[in-house]
Amino acid sequence: MRRFLLFVVMLGALVFVVVPYFVLPAVLEGLVARDVQDRLGLAERPGVELESDPQWEMLLGEFSGGRISVGGTDLGGVRAEGVAMDLEPFSVSVGESVSGRTAVVEEPLSGRVRLTISEREVSRLARENAGVPVNGVGLREEGATIDSEASVLGTTFPVAVEGDVGVEGNALVFRPGTVRAAGMTVPGYLADSLLAGTAFRYPVKGLPYGATITDARTREGAVVLTGRVSGVEIGGGG
């Protein structure tokens, strides 16, 4: 009988520790996702992954980081294919969060934000903001190419303006570098006009939690904007 009671006590203690260990992360992730959805007015629930290293510290509400990811989102006139926030270490009040059914962080969250803008969307922005005809934009690891056209003595021919993208303030900019035309020499005055005409600057507004964009990188078929976000309120935190 004594052994049976000891077994029951040990089993109860094991359940008391193991169940929260596996269930708590999912519960807190769900609470954070609901809070972010409500605050940002999102149509769908964002993805949330919380990390704790060592993992048992999650039972104390200590997290080494996490990621909040949102799918296609409109940001003040720019359509982002995806937005992700990588969170820096933070603390959660486990008792208040579970009892109140809302995530309660000890201090506002901070971290890095990443936005992915498709080649198609960049092409649209270029057409609307460049000073010359834009037939399309190509994005690759090495930079960007704007396909345009020029006319000399009544003859119109395709040209490509190569350059790169960057960030000025919270604006996406295209910085032209060279002009290419297959089999033809582009006169200097026309090349200068094309370079000036393809340069454009487009402010990216409506960033989540007032994020600040600091860098832009091209990859195959997209531009990735990165920056920082701070003072992110979750639940009753802050």
Protein backbone atom coordinates (compact mmCIF):
# COMPACT_ATOMS: atom_id res chain seq x y z
CA MET A 1 0.00 0.00 0.00
CA ARG A 2 2.81 2.35 0.93
CA ARG A 3 4.52 1.68 -2.41
CA PHE A 4 1.27 2.32 -4.24
CA LEU A 5 0.83 5.69 -2.50
CA LEU A 6 4.42 6.60 -3.30
CA PHE A 7 3.81 5.69 -6.94
CA VAL A 8 0.67 7.86 -7.03
CA VAL A 9 2.53 10.79 -5.50
CA MET A 10 5.42 10.45 -7.94
CA LEU A 11 3.01 10.12 -10.87
CA GLY A 12 1.14 13.21 -9.75
CA ALA A 13 4.37 15.17 -9.42
CA LEU A 14 5.46 14.00 -12.87
CA VAL A 15 2.16 15.08 -14.40
CA PHE A 16 2.35 18.42 -12.57
CA VAL A 17 5.73 19.13 -14.19
CA VAL A 18 5.46 17.42 -17.57
CA VAL A 19 2.02 18.64 -18.62
CA PRO A 20 2.83 22.36 -18.26
CA TYR A 21 6.20 21.71 -19.91
CA PHE A 22 4.51 20.61 -23.13
CA VAL A 23 1.21 22.50 -22.93
CA LEU A 24 2.33 25.92 -21.69
CA PRO A 25 4.24 26.99 -24.84
CA ALA A 26 1.23 26.30 -27.06
CA VAL A 27 -1.08 28.15 -24.67
CA LEU A 28 1.16 31.22 -24.51
CA GLU A 29 1.76 31.18 -28.28
CA GLY A 30 -1.99 31.18 -28.82
CA LEU A 31 -2.48 34.09 -26.41
CA VAL A 32 0.26 36.14 -28.09
CA ALA A 33 -1.14 35.37 -31.55
CA ARG A 34 -4.61 36.51 -30.53
CA ASP A 35 -3.26 39.72 -29.01
CA VAL A 36 -1.21 40.59 -32.11
CA GLN A 37 -4.17 39.85 -34.38
CA ASP A 38 -6.43 42.15 -32.37
CA ARG A 39 -3.92 45.00 -32.07
CA LEU A 40 -2.95 44.99 -35.76
CA GLY A 41 -6.44 44.28 -37.04
CA LEU A 42 -5.33 41.21 -38.99
CA ALA A 43 -7.84 39.07 -40.86
CA GLU A 44 -5.99 35.87 -39.93
CA ARG A 45 -4.19 34.69 -36.82
CA PRO A 46 -0.40 35.21 -37.12
CA GLY A 47 2.07 32.42 -36.55
CA VAL A 48 3.86 32.53 -33.19
CA GLU A 49 6.83 30.43 -32.08
CA LEU A 50 8.32 31.06 -28.64
CA GLU A 51 11.77 29.79 -27.65
CA SER A 52 13.33 29.11 -24.27
CA ASP A 53 16.95 28.06 -23.74
CA PRO A 54 17.18 26.09 -21.53
CA GLN A 55 13.66 24.92 -22.29
CA TRP A 56 12.58 24.42 -18.67
CA GLU A 57 12.83 28.18 -18.07
CA MET A 58 9.54 28.61 -19.95
CA LEU A 59 7.89 27.32 -16.76
CA LEU A 60 9.21 30.47 -15.09
CA GLY A 61 8.05 32.64 -17.96
CA GLU A 62 11.57 33.25 -19.28
CA PHE A 63 11.94 33.15 -23.07
CA SER A 64 15.17 33.53 -25.05
CA GLY A 65 13.36 34.72 -28.16
CA GLY A 66 10.55 34.00 -30.54
CA ARG A 67 9.07 34.76 -33.93
CA ILE A 68 5.79 36.34 -34.97
CA SER A 69 5.02 35.85 -38.65
CA VAL A 70 2.23 37.32 -40.76
CA GLY A 71 1.32 36.39 -44.33
CA GLY A 72 0.38 38.80 -47.11
CA THR A 73 -0.18 42.27 -45.63
CA ASP A 74 -0.95 45.73 -47.01
CA LEU A 75 1.36 48.39 -45.58
CA GLY A 76 0.18 51.84 -46.57
CA GLY A 77 0.09 51.17 -50.30
CA VAL A 78 2.75 48.46 -50.42
CA ARG A 79 1.83 44.79 -50.44
CA ALA A 80 4.23 42.62 -48.47
CA GLU A 81 4.30 38.90 -49.14
CA GLY A 82 5.24 38.30 -45.53
CA VAL A 83 6.22 40.10 -42.34
CA ALA A 84 8.22 38.50 -39.53
CA MET A 85 9.38 39.80 -36.14
CA ASP A 86 12.25 38.03 -34.39
CA LEU A 87 11.92 38.82 -30.70
CA GLU A 88 14.72 39.43 -28.23
CA PRO A 89 14.65 37.76 -24.78
CA PHE A 90 11.58 38.60 -22.74
CA SER A 91 9.63 37.54 -19.66
CA VAL A 92 5.99 36.52 -19.36
CA SER A 93 3.86 36.50 -16.22
CA VAL A 94 2.68 32.91 -16.53
CA GLY A 95 0.08 33.04 -13.75
CA GLU A 96 -1.55 36.27 -14.95
CA SER A 97 -1.46 35.14 -18.57
CA VAL A 98 -3.14 31.79 -17.94
CA SER A 99 -5.71 33.07 -15.43
CA GLY A 100 -6.57 36.16 -17.48
CA ARG A 101 -6.49 34.31 -20.82
CA THR A 102 -4.29 37.04 -22.32
CA ALA A 103 -0.51 37.19 -22.66
CA VAL A 104 1.05 39.49 -20.06
CA VAL A 105 4.70 40.43 -20.66
CA GLU A 106 6.85 42.02 -17.97
CA GLU A 107 8.26 44.70 -20.32
CA PRO A 108 7.45 45.83 -23.89
CA LEU A 109 9.08 43.58 -26.49
CA SER A 110 11.86 44.49 -28.93
CA GLY A 111 13.46 42.75 -31.87
CA ARG A 112 14.08 42.72 -35.58
CA VAL A 113 11.48 42.96 -38.30
CA ARG A 114 11.69 41.56 -41.83
CA LEU A 115 9.40 42.32 -44.77
CA THR A 116 9.43 40.51 -48.11
CA ILE A 117 8.18 42.43 -51.16
CA SER A 118 7.70 40.55 -54.40
CA GLU A 119 9.23 41.41 -57.77
CA ARG A 120 5.73 42.04 -59.11
CA GLU A 121 5.01 44.59 -56.39
CA VAL A 122 8.34 46.37 -56.92
CA SER A 123 7.54 46.52 -60.66
CA ARG A 124 4.23 48.19 -59.86
CA LEU A 125 5.91 50.74 -57.61
CA ALA A 126 8.52 51.49 -60.28
CA ARG A 127 5.85 52.04 -62.97
CA GLU A 128 3.98 54.45 -60.73
CA ASN A 129 7.01 56.41 -59.50
CA ALA A 130 9.71 56.36 -62.20
CA GLY A 131 10.01 59.20 -64.69
CA VAL A 132 10.44 56.92 -67.73
CA PRO A 133 8.44 53.98 -69.12
CA VAL A 134 8.94 50.83 -67.03
CA ASN A 135 8.16 47.50 -68.68
CA GLY A 136 9.24 45.41 -65.72
CA VAL A 137 11.73 44.96 -62.92
CA GLY A 138 14.05 42.01 -62.43
CA LEU A 139 15.39 41.19 -58.97
CA ARG A 140 18.32 38.91 -58.22
CA GLU A 141 21.04 38.49 -55.60
CA GLU A 142 23.36 40.93 -57.39
CA GLY A 143 20.85 43.77 -57.64
CA ALA A 144 17.93 45.02 -59.71
CA THR A 145 17.28 45.72 -63.38
CA ILE A 146 14.59 48.02 -64.73
CA ASP A 147 13.48 47.25 -68.28
CA SER A 148 12.63 50.47 -70.10
CA GLU A 149 12.85 51.90 -73.62
CA ALA A 150 14.43 54.84 -75.43
CA SER A 151 13.96 56.58 -78.76
CA VAL A 152 16.68 57.88 -81.09
CA LEU A 153 15.83 59.45 -84.45
CA GLY A 154 12.34 58.00 -84.36
CA THR A 155 13.51 54.49 -83.49
CA THR A 156 12.43 52.99 -80.16
CA PHE A 157 14.55 50.25 -78.66
CA PRO A 158 14.60 48.40 -75.32
CA VAL A 159 17.13 49.33 -72.67
CA ALA A 160 17.95 47.92 -69.26
CA VAL A 161 19.01 50.07 -66.32
CA GLU A 162 20.97 48.16 -63.71
CA GLY A 163 21.32 49.27 -60.11
CA ASP A 164 20.49 48.31 -56.58
CA VAL A 165 17.85 48.97 -53.96
CA GLY A 166 18.34 50.59 -50.61
CA VAL A 167 16.60 52.40 -47.77
CA GLU A 168 16.40 56.10 -47.02
CA GLY A 169 14.44 56.78 -43.90
CA ASN A 170 11.58 54.33 -44.13
CA ALA A 171 11.50 54.56 -47.92
CA LEU A 172 12.44 51.95 -50.51
CA VAL A 173 14.73 53.47 -53.16
CA PHE A 174 16.17 52.32 -56.48
CA ARG A 175 19.67 53.61 -57.24
CA PRO A 176 20.46 53.26 -60.96
CA GLY A 177 24.05 52.56 -62.01
CA THR A 178 24.46 51.64 -65.68
CA VAL A 179 22.43 51.54 -68.90
CA ARG A 180 22.58 48.61 -71.32
CA ALA A 181 21.09 48.31 -74.78
CA ALA A 182 21.57 45.14 -76.83
CA GLY A 183 23.63 45.89 -79.90
CA MET A 184 23.25 49.67 -79.65
CA THR A 185 25.19 52.52 -78.12
CA VAL A 186 23.11 54.76 -75.91
CA PRO A 187 24.07 58.44 -76.33
CA GLY A 188 25.39 60.05 -73.18
CA TYR A 189 22.58 62.55 -72.81
CA LEU A 190 20.00 59.76 -73.19
CA ALA A 191 21.79 57.52 -70.73
CA ASP A 192 21.84 60.32 -68.17
CA SER A 193 18.13 60.91 -68.73
CA LEU A 194 17.36 57.21 -68.23
CA LEU A 195 19.43 57.02 -65.07
CA ALA A 196 17.67 60.05 -63.63
CA GLY A 197 14.26 58.84 -64.74
CA THR A 198 14.49 55.36 -63.27
CA ALA A 199 15.62 56.50 -59.82
CA PHE A 200 12.66 56.45 -57.47
CA ARG A 201 11.85 56.62 -53.77
CA TYR A 202 8.74 55.15 -52.19
CA PRO A 203 7.90 55.56 -48.46
CA VAL A 204 6.83 52.33 -46.76
CA LYS A 205 4.12 53.29 -44.29
CA GLY A 206 1.87 51.40 -41.93
CA LEU A 207 4.71 49.28 -40.51
CA PRO A 208 3.67 47.10 -37.56
CA TYR A 209 4.33 48.62 -34.15
CA GLY A 210 6.06 51.63 -35.73
CA ALA A 211 9.03 49.59 -36.98
CA THR A 212 12.02 51.37 -38.47
CA ILE A 213 13.51 49.97 -41.69
CA THR A 214 17.32 50.10 -41.85
CA ASP A 215 18.37 47.89 -44.77
CA ALA A 216 17.19 46.37 -48.06
CA ARG A 217 18.58 43.33 -49.88
CA THR A 218 17.56 41.82 -53.18
CA ARG A 219 17.18 38.12 -53.76
CA GLU A 220 15.81 36.12 -56.65
CA GLY A 221 12.35 37.55 -57.28
CA ALA A 222 12.00 39.72 -54.19
CA VAL A 223 13.31 42.52 -51.99
CA VAL A 224 13.79 41.87 -48.28
CA LEU A 225 13.56 44.88 -45.97
CA THR A 226 14.96 44.57 -42.44
CA GLY A 227 14.83 46.85 -39.46
CA ARG A 228 14.00 47.14 -35.77
CA VAL A 229 10.89 47.26 -33.68
CA SER A 230 10.65 48.25 -30.01
CA GLY A 231 8.07 49.06 -27.39
CA VAL A 232 5.76 46.27 -28.53
CA GLU A 233 2.92 45.99 -26.02
CA ILE A 234 1.41 42.55 -25.53
CA GLY A 235 -1.65 42.03 -23.34
CA GLY A 236 -1.32 43.93 -20.10
CA GLY A 237 2.50 44.20 -20.34
CA GLY A 238 4.45 47.44 -20.09
